[in-house]
Amino acid sequence: MRIILFFKSIPDRAMKRPYNESGHVTSINRKWERAEIAKLVQDFESRGQAVSQRDFSKNNGIARSTLRYWADRKNSIDADPILIEFFESPVGIAFLHRLMTSAHVSFTKAGAASIHNVSDFLIRSGLSPFVASSYSSQRKVSAQIDDKIIQFGNIEDERLGQQMPAKIITLCEDETFHPQICLVAMEPVSNFILVERYALNREAKTWNEAIDNALSGFPVEVIQVASDEGRSLISHALKGLKVHHSPDCFHVIYEIGKGTCGALMSKIKKAEKEYERKVKLTHDIEQKKEKFDTADKRPRGRRPHFEKRIEQAKAQEQFAQKNLDQARLNYETVRSEKAKIGKIYHPYNLETGQKQDSKTVDSLLIDCFDKIHTATANLSDRCKERVNKAQRVVNSMVATIAFFFHMVDVYLDNMNLSDRDKNLMHNYLIPGHYLKLAARRHRDIDRKTEILQKSQDLLSVVNCTDGYCDVISDCKIKELEKAAKSCAQLFQRSSSCVEGRNAQLALRHQGIHRLSDRHLKASTIMHNYYIKRRDGTTAAERFFEAKPNDLFEFLLNNVDYPARPRNQLKLVA
């Protein structure tokens, strides 16, 4: 019995084969690609006894010992002969190449799995005799795929940036921690990530440099930044970019809830206990009275004033009931008014579609906070400060409403529309498209249906025959529809897209414990060029308004073919 030891071949990309004048390959010492080796071995085996190893090697520029080594290595694979015949053919190797690239892209790049999962997949699927399945081998593959993804992103960013139309955009910005500081900035309409990188600090200067580098080469103009109330982010928007800062509505509601809900619920529980104690006290006095009056032998002394005690106990019980009802009312008031803030903070009324200017929104928001202050009057100063902190953002929220309508006016003025078309845009198309966008984000199905119905009612004006559209061409209607949708998207009241991205990064960081700069950059490009929405578009396609090249096909054409197992032992009798 003897032991045969095989080593992996080097899967470098095949070079052009140099031929001499007689047609024979002149270079024998060269590196062969795995697919090319499989083709040569298959050609040799298909000829059988018609050609010798010496002649075949000479005609193809291969050392005879090399050809014999290739053939013996194929015969030594410990797997089913049918599988060996397929996976050692050019078609089978191409399939392995696509399979391995797909596994890494789907598992570790688009998904949150690790390289260990890919190795386990290869072993359990029975592919380990044909592909190096160790962690170190697959880590090299993963690193190469990261490099190729980054290369693809750089190429496509430059190519698409040169041909994209000029546009105005909003940025949603936030920081996350891994625990390194990671700056994240996205364009909310397309969901395209412009900045996602680690930084030494999160100062306004650092943000300015990151955004300037990200936007260089793109014909875009930032008009507003949506973020939380971090000082550096506000300074970056107002002083660095010199644009409007739009506050995140979520953080306003969050501050109110964090400062009041726990304290109000504590008061409810305290009032419930006090009410239960008073009810028990009344019940005990009534039992004592009944026991005293029904006793066979009356006790000595005067009869206690049970009626007066019961009356006092019931008065205390009613007072405790009133306090409990008030505590519950305060909790529900804060809860409903807090939710009402989110419903109010829109440029158009979601029920009627009517315009809500800055004065209207300001009045409605102040009314909400007045009711919240009344309901939280008995809370601690610390809780009240949370509410005051949230209320300080109201001025920025009102300013954002005014900014939105100002930008809409500028947008429509640049289109040189007639008064008739401007009226159509202001009263029907822009509100209709805004309600359509708002309905998509609504959780309540019934409420969503109502908003969509109102949106359709407003947009149906373009189908009328006795209104506006009898004198407007179809081409003009499409132009107005596109402009109305762009105007509706100018209002950004949340940076939730960045918050969602931060959650994805946190999940990925938890899985692999560390995100290198290369891995983070590759993850960003995967988000922009690989992940698709239900309509089949990527973030890059929506941002550049042009279809990018296929990332997966680029990887197939540039990533090395999968390597063989490093060492393979087979006992031959």
Protein backbone atom coordinates (compact mmCIF):
# COMPACT_ATOMS: atom_id res chain seq x y z
CA MET A 1 0.00 0.00 0.00
CA ARG A 2 1.42 3.43 -0.91
CA ILE A 3 0.39 6.99 -0.10
CA ILE A 4 0.08 9.57 -2.87
CA LEU A 5 0.32 13.27 -1.86
CA PHE A 6 -1.14 15.95 -4.09
CA PHE A 7 -0.73 19.71 -3.84
CA LYS A 8 -3.02 22.41 -5.09
CA SER A 9 -2.44 24.07 -8.41
CA ILE A 10 -2.09 27.83 -8.60
CA PRO A 11 -5.32 29.37 -9.98
CA ASP A 12 -3.80 32.48 -11.62
CA ARG A 13 -5.47 34.01 -14.65
CA ALA A 14 -4.31 32.35 -17.85
CA MET A 15 -1.82 34.24 -19.99
CA LYS A 16 -1.76 34.30 -23.76
CA ARG A 17 -0.06 31.21 -25.11
CA PRO A 18 3.04 32.13 -27.20
CA TYR A 19 3.41 30.12 -30.41
CA ASN A 20 6.42 29.83 -32.70
CA GLU A 21 6.34 29.77 -36.49
CA SER A 22 5.65 26.01 -36.59
CA GLY A 23 2.58 26.40 -34.40
CA HIS A 24 3.98 24.77 -31.25
CA VAL A 25 3.85 26.44 -27.86
CA THR A 26 7.35 27.66 -27.02
CA SER A 27 6.94 28.36 -23.28
CA ILE A 28 6.90 25.30 -21.02
CA ASN A 29 7.61 26.95 -17.65
CA ARG A 30 4.44 28.91 -17.05
CA LYS A 31 1.47 29.00 -14.70
CA TRP A 32 -1.68 27.33 -15.89
CA GLU A 33 -5.21 28.31 -15.01
CA ARG A 34 -7.40 25.59 -13.56
CA ALA A 35 -9.96 25.72 -16.37
CA GLU A 36 -7.20 25.49 -18.95
CA ILE A 37 -5.69 22.46 -17.20
CA ALA A 38 -9.07 20.74 -17.17
CA LYS A 39 -9.48 21.41 -20.91
CA LEU A 40 -6.05 19.96 -21.70
CA VAL A 41 -6.59 16.85 -19.56
CA GLN A 42 -10.00 16.33 -21.11
CA ASP A 43 -8.56 16.66 -24.64
CA PHE A 44 -5.79 14.19 -23.86
CA GLU A 45 -8.15 11.61 -22.35
CA SER A 46 -10.61 11.94 -25.22
CA ARG A 47 -7.94 10.92 -27.75
CA GLY A 48 -7.19 7.67 -25.95
CA GLN A 49 -4.37 5.71 -27.63
CA ALA A 50 -4.38 7.90 -30.71
CA VAL A 51 -1.65 10.17 -29.29
CA SER A 52 1.08 9.57 -26.76
CA GLN A 53 1.79 11.66 -23.70
CA ARG A 54 5.07 12.75 -25.27
CA ASP A 55 3.48 14.04 -28.48
CA PHE A 56 0.53 15.71 -26.73
CA SER A 57 2.86 17.43 -24.26
CA LYS A 58 5.12 18.65 -27.05
CA ASN A 59 2.25 20.00 -29.15
CA ASN A 60 0.74 21.91 -26.20
CA GLY A 61 3.94 23.15 -24.56
CA ILE A 62 3.56 21.02 -21.44
CA ALA A 63 6.23 19.06 -19.65
CA ARG A 64 5.42 15.37 -19.88
CA SER A 65 5.75 14.98 -16.11
CA THR A 66 3.31 17.86 -15.64
CA LEU A 67 0.69 16.23 -17.87
CA ARG A 68 1.13 12.91 -16.06
CA TYR A 69 0.81 14.71 -12.70
CA TRP A 70 -2.42 16.37 -13.82
CA ALA A 71 -3.95 13.08 -14.97
CA ASP A 72 -2.91 11.23 -11.79
CA ARG A 73 -4.26 14.03 -9.61
CA LYS A 74 -7.67 13.78 -11.29
CA ASN A 75 -7.76 10.01 -10.80
CA SER A 76 -6.84 10.38 -7.11
CA ILE A 77 -9.85 12.50 -6.14
CA ASP A 78 -11.91 10.70 -3.50
CA ALA A 79 -15.39 11.26 -4.93
CA ASP A 80 -17.96 9.67 -7.20
CA PRO A 81 -16.55 9.21 -10.74
CA ILE A 82 -19.51 11.03 -12.26
CA LEU A 83 -18.87 14.05 -10.04
CA ILE A 84 -15.16 13.91 -10.82
CA GLU A 85 -15.84 13.86 -14.55
CA PHE A 86 -18.12 16.89 -14.26
CA PHE A 87 -16.18 19.05 -11.81
CA GLU A 88 -12.87 18.35 -13.58
CA SER A 89 -14.29 19.54 -16.90
CA PRO A 90 -14.22 23.19 -18.08
CA VAL A 91 -18.00 23.43 -17.63
CA GLY A 92 -17.82 21.99 -14.12
CA ILE A 93 -15.02 24.33 -13.09
CA ALA A 94 -16.98 27.29 -14.46
CA PHE A 95 -19.94 26.10 -12.38
CA LEU A 96 -17.73 25.81 -9.27
CA HIS A 97 -16.45 29.30 -9.93
CA ARG A 98 -19.96 30.72 -10.15
CA LEU A 99 -21.08 28.71 -7.11
CA MET A 100 -18.18 29.88 -4.95
CA THR A 101 -18.58 33.50 -5.98
CA SER A 102 -22.32 33.28 -5.29
CA ALA A 103 -21.73 31.73 -1.87
CA HIS A 104 -19.42 34.52 -0.76
CA VAL A 105 -21.56 37.29 -2.22
CA SER A 106 -24.84 35.97 -0.81
CA PHE A 107 -23.56 34.68 2.54
CA THR A 108 -20.83 37.07 3.64
CA LYS A 109 -21.25 40.22 1.52
CA ALA A 110 -25.00 40.71 1.12
CA GLY A 111 -25.82 38.62 4.18
CA ALA A 112 -24.45 38.57 7.71
CA ALA A 113 -22.84 35.10 7.64
CA SER A 114 -19.14 34.50 8.24
CA ILE A 115 -16.39 32.73 6.30
CA HIS A 116 -16.81 29.78 8.67
CA ASN A 117 -20.33 29.34 7.27
CA VAL A 118 -18.96 29.18 3.71
CA SER A 119 -16.39 26.56 4.76
CA ASP A 120 -19.10 24.52 6.47
CA PHE A 121 -21.27 24.81 3.35
CA LEU A 122 -18.50 23.41 1.15
CA ILE A 123 -17.86 20.47 3.45
CA ARG A 124 -21.53 19.54 3.94
CA SER A 125 -22.34 19.92 0.25
CA GLY A 126 -19.61 17.43 -0.69
CA LEU A 127 -17.58 19.98 -2.67
CA SER A 128 -14.51 19.90 -0.43
CA PRO A 129 -12.71 17.32 -2.67
CA PHE A 130 -12.86 19.86 -5.50
CA VAL A 131 -12.51 23.20 -3.67
CA ALA A 132 -10.21 24.27 -0.85
CA SER A 133 -12.67 24.56 2.03
CA SER A 134 -10.43 25.58 4.93
CA TYR A 135 -10.98 28.88 6.67
CA SER A 136 -7.65 30.33 5.55
CA SER A 137 -8.34 29.44 1.90
CA GLN A 138 -11.79 30.97 1.94
CA ARG A 139 -10.52 34.04 3.77
CA LYS A 140 -8.18 34.70 0.85
CA VAL A 141 -11.12 34.34 -1.53
CA SER A 142 -13.19 36.72 0.58
CA ALA A 143 -10.39 39.28 0.64
CA GLN A 144 -9.98 39.12 -3.13
CA ILE A 145 -13.73 39.54 -3.64
CA ASP A 146 -13.66 42.59 -1.34
CA ASP A 147 -10.86 44.10 -3.43
CA LYS A 148 -12.74 43.46 -6.67
CA ILE A 149 -15.96 44.91 -5.23
CA ILE A 150 -14.09 48.07 -4.25
CA GLN A 151 -12.49 48.23 -7.71
CA PHE A 152 -15.92 47.91 -9.32
CA GLY A 153 -17.35 50.65 -7.11
CA ASN A 154 -14.55 53.06 -7.96
CA ILE A 155 -14.94 52.42 -11.68
CA GLU A 156 -18.73 52.79 -11.68
CA ASP A 157 -18.74 55.86 -9.43
CA GLU A 158 -16.40 57.63 -11.82
CA ARG A 159 -18.21 56.48 -14.97
CA LEU A 160 -21.76 57.17 -13.79
CA GLY A 161 -20.78 60.41 -12.07
CA GLN A 162 -19.60 61.86 -15.37
CA GLN A 163 -22.90 61.22 -17.13
CA MET A 164 -25.45 61.80 -14.36
CA PRO A 165 -27.70 64.89 -14.65
CA ALA A 166 -27.23 67.78 -12.23
CA LYS A 167 -29.56 67.51 -9.25
CA ILE A 168 -30.26 68.86 -5.78
CA ILE A 169 -30.17 66.39 -2.92
CA THR A 170 -30.77 66.01 0.80
CA LEU A 171 -28.33 64.22 3.08
CA CYS A 172 -29.29 62.12 6.10
CA GLU A 173 -26.35 61.86 8.50
CA ASP A 174 -25.57 60.05 11.72
CA GLU A 175 -22.75 58.40 13.64
CA THR A 176 -22.48 54.85 14.92
CA PHE A 177 -19.85 53.14 17.05
CA HIS A 178 -18.11 49.72 16.63
CA PRO A 179 -16.61 51.02 19.03
CA GLN A 180 -14.71 53.12 16.48
CA ILE A 181 -16.58 56.19 15.30
CA CYS A 182 -18.24 55.50 11.95
CA LEU A 183 -19.69 58.39 9.92
CA VAL A 184 -22.67 57.51 7.73
CA ALA A 185 -24.38 59.79 5.20
CA MET A 186 -27.09 58.73 2.75
CA GLU A 187 -29.23 60.31 0.08
CA PRO A 188 -32.74 59.38 1.32
CA VAL A 189 -34.64 59.31 -1.98
CA SER A 190 -32.37 56.79 -3.70
CA ASN A 191 -30.96 55.30 -0.47
CA PHE A 192 -27.46 55.72 -1.92
CA ILE A 193 -24.67 55.73 0.67
CA LEU A 194 -22.28 58.60 0.05
CA VAL A 195 -20.21 58.36 3.24
CA GLU A 196 -19.55 55.30 5.36
CA ARG A 197 -16.14 55.34 6.93
CA TYR A 198 -14.30 55.29 10.23
CA ALA A 199 -12.99 58.56 11.67
CA LEU A 200 -10.89 59.65 14.63
CA ASN A 201 -13.62 62.04 15.82
CA ARG A 202 -17.06 63.30 14.86
CA GLU A 203 -16.36 67.02 14.79
CA ALA A 204 -17.90 69.31 12.20
CA LYS A 205 -14.54 69.65 10.45
CA THR A 206 -14.30 65.88 10.02
CA TRP A 207 -17.82 65.78 8.61
CA ASN A 208 -17.03 68.60 6.18
CA GLU A 209 -13.99 66.77 4.83
CA ALA A 210 -15.89 63.49 4.49
CA ILE A 211 -18.78 65.06 2.57
CA ASP A 212 -16.50 67.12 0.32
CA ASN A 213 -14.52 64.02 -0.64
CA ALA A 214 -17.69 62.01 -1.24
CA LEU A 215 -19.36 64.60 -3.47
CA SER A 216 -16.30 65.46 -5.56
CA GLY A 217 -16.96 64.32 -9.10
CA PHE A 218 -20.75 64.29 -8.72
CA PRO A 219 -22.83 67.14 -10.20
CA VAL A 220 -25.03 67.45 -7.12
CA GLU A 221 -25.91 70.30 -4.79
CA VAL A 222 -26.84 69.65 -1.16
CA ILE A 223 -29.75 71.83 -0.02
CA GLN A 224 -30.45 70.36 3.44
CA VAL A 225 -29.19 67.91 6.02
CA ALA A 226 -31.52 65.76 8.13
CA SER A 227 -30.09 64.45 11.39
CA ASP A 228 -30.50 64.40 15.14
CA GLU A 229 -29.65 67.40 17.31
CA GLY A 230 -25.94 66.63 17.64
CA ARG A 231 -24.00 69.89 17.81
CA SER A 232 -21.34 68.82 15.34
CA LEU A 233 -23.95 67.74 12.80
CA ILE A 234 -25.85 71.01 13.09
CA SER A 235 -22.62 73.02 12.82
CA HIS A 236 -21.57 70.95 9.83
CA ALA A 237 -24.88 71.66 8.07
CA LEU A 238 -25.25 75.36 8.91
CA LYS A 239 -21.61 76.50 8.84
CA GLY A 240 -19.82 73.83 6.79
CA LEU A 241 -22.25 73.14 3.97
CA LYS A 242 -24.25 76.35 4.59
CA VAL A 243 -27.55 74.57 4.04
CA HIS A 244 -30.78 74.09 5.98
CA HIS A 245 -30.81 71.62 8.87
CA SER A 246 -33.94 69.48 9.18
CA PRO A 247 -34.52 67.90 12.63
CA ASP A 248 -35.41 64.26 13.01
CA CYS A 249 -39.04 63.98 14.16
CA PHE A 250 -38.33 60.63 15.80
CA HIS A 251 -35.90 62.13 18.32
CA VAL A 252 -38.49 64.72 19.38
CA ILE A 253 -41.03 62.00 20.13
CA TYR A 254 -38.35 59.83 21.71
CA GLU A 255 -37.28 62.54 24.15
CA ILE A 256 -40.88 63.06 25.30
CA GLY A 257 -41.43 59.35 25.78
CA LYS A 258 -38.14 58.76 27.55
CA GLY A 259 -38.74 61.63 29.93
CA THR A 260 -42.40 61.02 30.81
CA CYS A 261 -43.66 57.50 30.10
CA GLY A 262 -41.80 55.79 32.92
CA ALA A 263 -42.68 58.45 35.48
CA LEU A 264 -46.34 58.57 34.44
CA MET A 265 -46.66 54.79 34.56
CA SER A 266 -45.09 54.83 38.02
CA LYS A 267 -47.74 57.29 39.17
CA ILE A 268 -50.47 55.04 37.77
CA LYS A 269 -49.15 52.04 39.68
CA LYS A 270 -48.85 54.10 42.86
CA ALA A 271 -52.41 55.40 42.45
CA GLU A 272 -53.69 51.86 41.81
CA LYS A 273 -52.12 50.61 45.03
CA GLU A 274 -53.57 53.54 46.99
CA TYR A 275 -57.01 52.95 45.50
CA GLU A 276 -56.87 49.22 46.34
CA ARG A 277 -55.85 50.08 49.90
CA LYS A 278 -58.80 52.47 50.32
CA VAL A 279 -61.25 49.94 48.88
CA LYS A 280 -59.98 47.33 51.31
CA LEU A 281 -60.30 49.78 54.20
CA THR A 282 -63.96 50.48 53.33
CA HIS A 283 -64.64 46.77 53.02
CA ASP A 284 -63.07 46.04 56.42
CA ILE A 285 -65.19 48.69 58.17
CA GLU A 286 -68.35 47.36 56.55
CA GLN A 287 -67.51 43.84 57.70
CA LYS A 288 -66.90 45.03 61.24
CA LYS A 289 -70.26 46.81 61.24
CA GLU A 290 -72.05 43.72 59.97
CA LYS A 291 -70.34 41.52 62.52
CA PHE A 292 -71.18 43.90 65.35
CA ASP A 293 -74.85 44.24 64.36
CA THR A 294 -75.42 40.52 63.86
CA ALA A 295 -73.66 39.34 67.00
CA ASP A 296 -75.80 37.17 69.36
CA LYS A 297 -74.51 39.02 72.36
CA ARG A 298 -73.82 42.69 72.00
CA PRO A 299 -70.36 43.71 73.27
CA ARG A 300 -70.03 46.06 76.16
CA GLY A 301 -69.71 49.79 75.62
CA ARG A 302 -71.10 52.20 73.12
CA ARG A 303 -71.71 51.19 69.57
CA PRO A 304 -68.92 52.55 67.28
CA HIS A 305 -69.90 55.16 64.69
CA PHE A 306 -69.61 52.74 61.78
CA GLU A 307 -71.70 54.88 59.45
CA LYS A 308 -69.39 57.88 59.86
CA ARG A 309 -66.29 55.74 59.41
CA ILE A 310 -67.76 54.17 56.28
CA GLU A 311 -68.65 57.60 54.92
CA GLN A 312 -65.10 58.86 55.50
CA ALA A 313 -63.60 55.71 53.99
CA LYS A 314 -65.79 56.01 50.90
CA ALA A 315 -64.80 59.65 50.50
CA GLN A 316 -61.14 58.64 50.62
CA GLU A 317 -61.88 55.84 48.16
CA GLN A 318 -63.48 58.29 45.72
CA PHE A 319 -60.51 60.64 46.08
CA ALA A 320 -58.12 57.77 45.34
CA GLN A 321 -60.28 56.79 42.36
CA LYS A 322 -60.12 60.36 41.09
CA ASN A 323 -56.32 60.41 41.43
CA LEU A 324 -56.09 57.10 39.58
CA ASP A 325 -58.30 58.33 36.77
CA GLN A 326 -56.25 61.50 36.51
CA ALA A 327 -52.98 59.52 36.41
CA ARG A 328 -54.35 57.34 33.62
CA LEU A 329 -55.66 60.39 31.79
CA ASN A 330 -52.26 62.09 32.01
CA TYR A 331 -50.56 59.01 30.60
CA GLU A 332 -53.01 58.70 27.71
CA THR A 333 -52.80 62.46 27.05
CA VAL A 334 -49.02 62.35 26.69
CA ARG A 335 -49.24 59.17 24.64
CA SER A 336 -51.82 60.57 22.23
CA GLU A 337 -50.25 64.03 21.94
CA LYS A 338 -46.85 62.48 21.38
CA ALA A 339 -48.28 60.46 18.48
CA LYS A 340 -50.14 63.52 17.26
CA ILE A 341 -46.83 65.36 16.78
CA GLY A 342 -45.86 62.84 14.13
CA LYS A 343 -49.22 63.20 12.43
CA ILE A 344 -49.07 66.99 12.43
CA TYR A 345 -45.51 67.37 11.17
CA HIS A 346 -46.36 67.28 7.46
CA PRO A 347 -46.58 70.05 4.85
CA TYR A 348 -49.97 68.68 3.80
CA ASN A 349 -52.82 67.39 5.95
CA LEU A 350 -52.93 63.61 5.55
CA GLU A 351 -56.72 63.54 5.82
CA THR A 352 -57.66 66.39 3.48
CA GLY A 353 -54.52 66.95 1.42
CA GLN A 354 -54.72 70.66 2.20
CA LYS A 355 -51.57 72.73 2.60
CA GLN A 356 -50.29 73.25 6.15
CA ASP A 357 -48.02 76.29 6.20
CA SER A 358 -45.46 76.99 8.91
CA LYS A 359 -47.90 79.04 11.04
CA THR A 360 -50.49 76.25 11.02
CA VAL A 361 -47.96 73.62 11.99
CA ASP A 362 -46.48 75.87 14.67
CA SER A 363 -49.90 76.42 16.24
CA LEU A 364 -50.75 72.72 16.21
CA LEU A 365 -47.40 71.70 17.70
CA ILE A 366 -47.63 74.31 20.46
CA ASP A 367 -51.10 73.03 21.33
CA CYS A 368 -49.68 69.49 21.63
CA PHE A 369 -46.89 70.60 23.94
CA ASP A 370 -49.27 72.67 26.07
CA LYS A 371 -51.34 69.57 26.74
CA ILE A 372 -48.20 67.56 27.46
CA HIS A 373 -46.97 70.20 29.93
CA THR A 374 -50.34 70.14 31.69
CA ALA A 375 -50.29 66.34 31.95
CA THR A 376 -46.72 66.33 33.30
CA ALA A 377 -47.09 69.21 35.76
CA ASN A 378 -46.62 66.91 38.78
CA LEU A 379 -43.51 65.18 37.46
CA SER A 380 -39.94 65.91 38.55
CA ASP A 381 -37.87 68.72 37.06
CA ARG A 382 -35.72 66.15 35.30
CA CYS A 383 -38.73 64.78 33.44
CA LYS A 384 -39.93 68.26 32.56
CA GLU A 385 -36.50 69.13 31.15
CA ARG A 386 -36.84 66.25 28.70
CA VAL A 387 -40.09 67.75 27.42
CA ASN A 388 -38.55 71.20 27.23
CA LYS A 389 -35.61 69.77 25.28
CA ALA A 390 -38.02 68.27 22.76
CA GLN A 391 -40.01 71.50 22.51
CA ARG A 392 -36.87 73.47 21.67
CA VAL A 393 -36.80 71.61 18.34
CA VAL A 394 -40.23 72.97 17.35
CA ASN A 395 -38.71 76.12 15.86
CA SER A 396 -36.50 74.00 13.59
CA MET A 397 -39.47 71.85 12.59
CA VAL A 398 -41.50 74.93 11.68
CA ALA A 399 -38.52 76.33 9.76
CA THR A 400 -38.31 73.08 7.80
CA ILE A 401 -41.95 73.43 6.72
CA ALA A 402 -41.24 77.01 5.55
CA PHE A 403 -38.05 75.83 3.80
CA PHE A 404 -39.97 73.12 1.96
CA PHE A 405 -42.57 75.49 0.52
CA HIS A 406 -39.84 77.99 -0.39
CA MET A 407 -37.92 75.31 -2.32
CA VAL A 408 -41.13 74.23 -4.06
CA ASP A 409 -41.71 77.81 -5.19
CA VAL A 410 -38.14 78.08 -6.47
CA TYR A 411 -38.44 74.74 -8.26
CA LEU A 412 -41.68 75.72 -10.00
CA ASP A 413 -40.38 79.20 -10.89
CA ASN A 414 -37.43 77.60 -12.65
CA MET A 415 -39.86 75.53 -14.73
CA ASN A 416 -41.52 78.72 -16.05
CA LEU A 417 -45.02 77.32 -15.59
CA SER A 418 -48.23 79.16 -16.25
CA ASP A 419 -50.49 80.18 -13.37
CA ARG A 420 -52.86 77.37 -14.35
CA ASP A 421 -50.10 74.76 -14.14
CA LYS A 422 -48.76 76.17 -10.86
CA ASN A 423 -52.22 75.89 -9.36
CA LEU A 424 -52.42 72.29 -10.56
CA MET A 425 -49.04 71.53 -8.96
CA HIS A 426 -49.69 73.30 -5.64
CA ASN A 427 -53.22 72.04 -5.01
CA TYR A 428 -53.28 68.58 -6.58
CA LEU A 429 -50.13 66.94 -7.92
CA ILE A 430 -47.60 67.76 -5.20
CA PRO A 431 -50.04 67.01 -2.32
CA GLY A 432 -51.15 63.84 -4.09
CA HIS A 433 -47.62 62.53 -4.51
CA TYR A 434 -46.67 63.53 -0.97
CA LEU A 435 -49.62 61.62 0.47
CA LYS A 436 -48.65 58.65 -1.66
CA LEU A 437 -45.13 58.69 -0.20
CA ALA A 438 -46.48 59.16 3.34
CA ALA A 439 -48.88 56.21 2.97
CA ARG A 440 -46.01 53.85 2.16
CA ARG A 441 -44.42 54.57 5.52
CA HIS A 442 -47.63 54.18 7.53
CA ARG A 443 -48.01 51.04 9.64
CA ASP A 444 -51.78 50.97 10.11
CA ILE A 445 -53.28 49.25 7.06
CA ASP A 446 -56.66 50.97 7.37
CA ARG A 447 -55.01 54.35 7.80
CA LYS A 448 -52.70 53.65 4.87
CA THR A 449 -55.69 52.79 2.68
CA GLU A 450 -57.42 56.05 3.60
CA ILE A 451 -54.35 58.14 2.77
CA LEU A 452 -53.84 56.32 -0.54
CA GLN A 453 -57.46 56.89 -1.45
CA LYS A 454 -57.10 60.62 -0.82
CA SER A 455 -53.89 60.62 -2.84
CA GLN A 456 -55.65 58.97 -5.78
CA ASP A 457 -58.47 61.52 -5.55
CA LEU A 458 -55.99 64.37 -5.84
CA LEU A 459 -53.97 62.78 -8.64
CA SER A 460 -57.09 61.82 -10.59
CA VAL A 461 -57.36 65.43 -11.73
CA VAL A 462 -54.96 64.58 -14.56
CA ASN A 463 -57.56 62.15 -15.95
CA CYS A 464 -60.42 64.62 -15.98
CA THR A 465 -62.02 65.87 -19.15
CA ASP A 466 -63.66 69.01 -17.86
CA GLY A 467 -60.85 70.34 -15.69
CA TYR A 468 -57.23 71.02 -16.41
CA CYS A 469 -56.10 68.20 -18.59
CA ASP A 470 -58.33 68.85 -21.55
CA VAL A 471 -55.81 71.47 -22.71
CA ILE A 472 -52.57 69.79 -21.52
CA SER A 473 -50.65 67.32 -23.66
CA ASP A 474 -49.62 63.88 -22.39
CA CYS A 475 -45.97 64.91 -22.58
CA LYS A 476 -46.66 67.95 -20.42
CA ILE A 477 -48.59 65.85 -17.90
CA LYS A 478 -45.65 63.45 -17.52
CA GLU A 479 -43.31 66.39 -17.01
CA LEU A 480 -45.56 67.84 -14.32
CA GLU A 481 -45.95 64.44 -12.62
CA LYS A 482 -42.17 63.98 -12.47
CA ALA A 483 -41.68 67.51 -11.12
CA ALA A 484 -44.43 67.02 -8.53
CA LYS A 485 -42.82 63.83 -7.29
CA SER A 486 -39.43 65.54 -7.03
CA CYS A 487 -41.00 68.42 -5.07
CA ALA A 488 -42.78 66.02 -2.69
CA GLN A 489 -39.46 64.31 -1.96
CA LEU A 490 -37.89 67.61 -0.87
CA PHE A 491 -39.51 67.31 2.56
CA GLN A 492 -37.38 65.08 4.80
CA ARG A 493 -38.51 64.84 8.40
CA SER A 494 -36.52 61.79 9.44
CA SER A 495 -33.09 60.21 9.10
CA SER A 496 -34.51 56.70 9.51
CA CYS A 497 -32.63 55.40 6.46
CA VAL A 498 -29.33 56.05 8.26
CA GLU A 499 -30.66 54.56 11.49
CA GLY A 500 -31.59 51.40 9.61
CA ARG A 501 -28.16 51.23 8.02
CA ASN A 502 -26.53 51.63 11.42
CA ALA A 503 -28.55 48.66 12.67
CA GLN A 504 -27.28 46.56 9.76
CA LEU A 505 -23.69 47.55 10.52
CA ALA A 506 -24.21 46.69 14.18
CA LEU A 507 -25.50 43.24 13.22
CA ARG A 508 -22.54 42.65 10.93
CA HIS A 509 -20.11 43.90 13.56
CA GLN A 510 -21.64 41.61 16.15
CA GLY A 511 -21.17 38.65 13.83
CA ILE A 512 -17.50 39.17 12.95
CA HIS A 513 -16.48 41.43 15.88
CA ARG A 514 -14.55 43.85 13.69
CA LEU A 515 -15.19 45.65 10.43
CA SER A 516 -11.98 46.55 8.64
CA ASP A 517 -11.83 49.58 6.36
CA ARG A 518 -11.76 47.27 3.35
CA HIS A 519 -14.72 45.22 4.53
CA LEU A 520 -16.71 48.38 5.36
CA LYS A 521 -15.99 49.87 1.94
CA ALA A 522 -17.01 46.65 0.18
CA SER A 523 -20.20 46.52 2.26
CA THR A 524 -21.03 50.08 1.17
CA ILE A 525 -20.62 49.22 -2.51
CA MET A 526 -22.71 46.07 -2.08
CA HIS A 527 -25.50 48.24 -0.67
CA ASN A 528 -25.27 50.72 -3.52
CA TYR A 529 -24.79 48.37 -6.48
CA TYR A 530 -26.13 44.94 -5.49
CA ILE A 531 -29.12 45.23 -3.12
CA LYS A 532 -32.35 45.82 -5.05
CA ARG A 533 -35.79 47.10 -4.15
CA ARG A 534 -39.02 45.44 -5.21
CA ASP A 535 -38.96 47.40 -8.46
CA GLY A 536 -35.63 45.77 -9.34
CA THR A 537 -33.53 48.94 -9.06
CA THR A 538 -30.36 49.44 -7.07
CA ALA A 539 -29.52 52.54 -5.04
CA ALA A 540 -26.90 53.50 -7.63
CA GLU A 541 -29.41 53.29 -10.47
CA ARG A 542 -31.81 55.56 -8.60
CA PHE A 543 -29.10 58.03 -7.60
CA PHE A 544 -27.27 58.30 -10.94
CA GLU A 545 -30.49 57.85 -12.96
CA ALA A 546 -28.66 55.33 -15.14
CA LYS A 547 -28.29 51.56 -14.96
CA PRO A 548 -24.86 50.49 -13.70
CA ASN A 549 -22.98 47.45 -14.90
CA ASP A 550 -23.68 44.16 -13.16
CA LEU A 551 -21.51 43.73 -10.07
CA PHE A 552 -21.81 39.95 -9.96
CA GLU A 553 -20.77 39.55 -13.59
CA PHE A 554 -17.76 41.76 -12.91
CA LEU A 555 -16.76 39.47 -10.04
CA LEU A 556 -17.14 36.37 -12.21
CA ASN A 557 -14.85 37.88 -14.82
CA ASN A 558 -12.18 39.08 -12.40
CA VAL A 559 -12.07 36.76 -9.39
CA ASP A 560 -9.71 33.78 -9.60
CA TYR A 561 -11.07 30.30 -10.15
CA PRO A 562 -11.49 28.33 -6.89
CA ALA A 563 -8.33 26.65 -5.63
CA ARG A 564 -8.05 22.93 -5.13
CA PRO A 565 -7.68 21.42 -1.65
CA ARG A 566 -4.17 22.14 -0.41
CA ASN A 567 -3.33 18.56 0.54
CA GLN A 568 -5.25 15.50 -0.54
CA LEU A 569 -4.40 12.00 0.68
CA LYS A 570 -5.69 8.84 -0.90
CA LEU A 571 -4.71 5.28 -0.01
CA VAL A 572 -4.01 3.26 -3.11
CA ALA A 573 -3.77 -0.50 -2.72
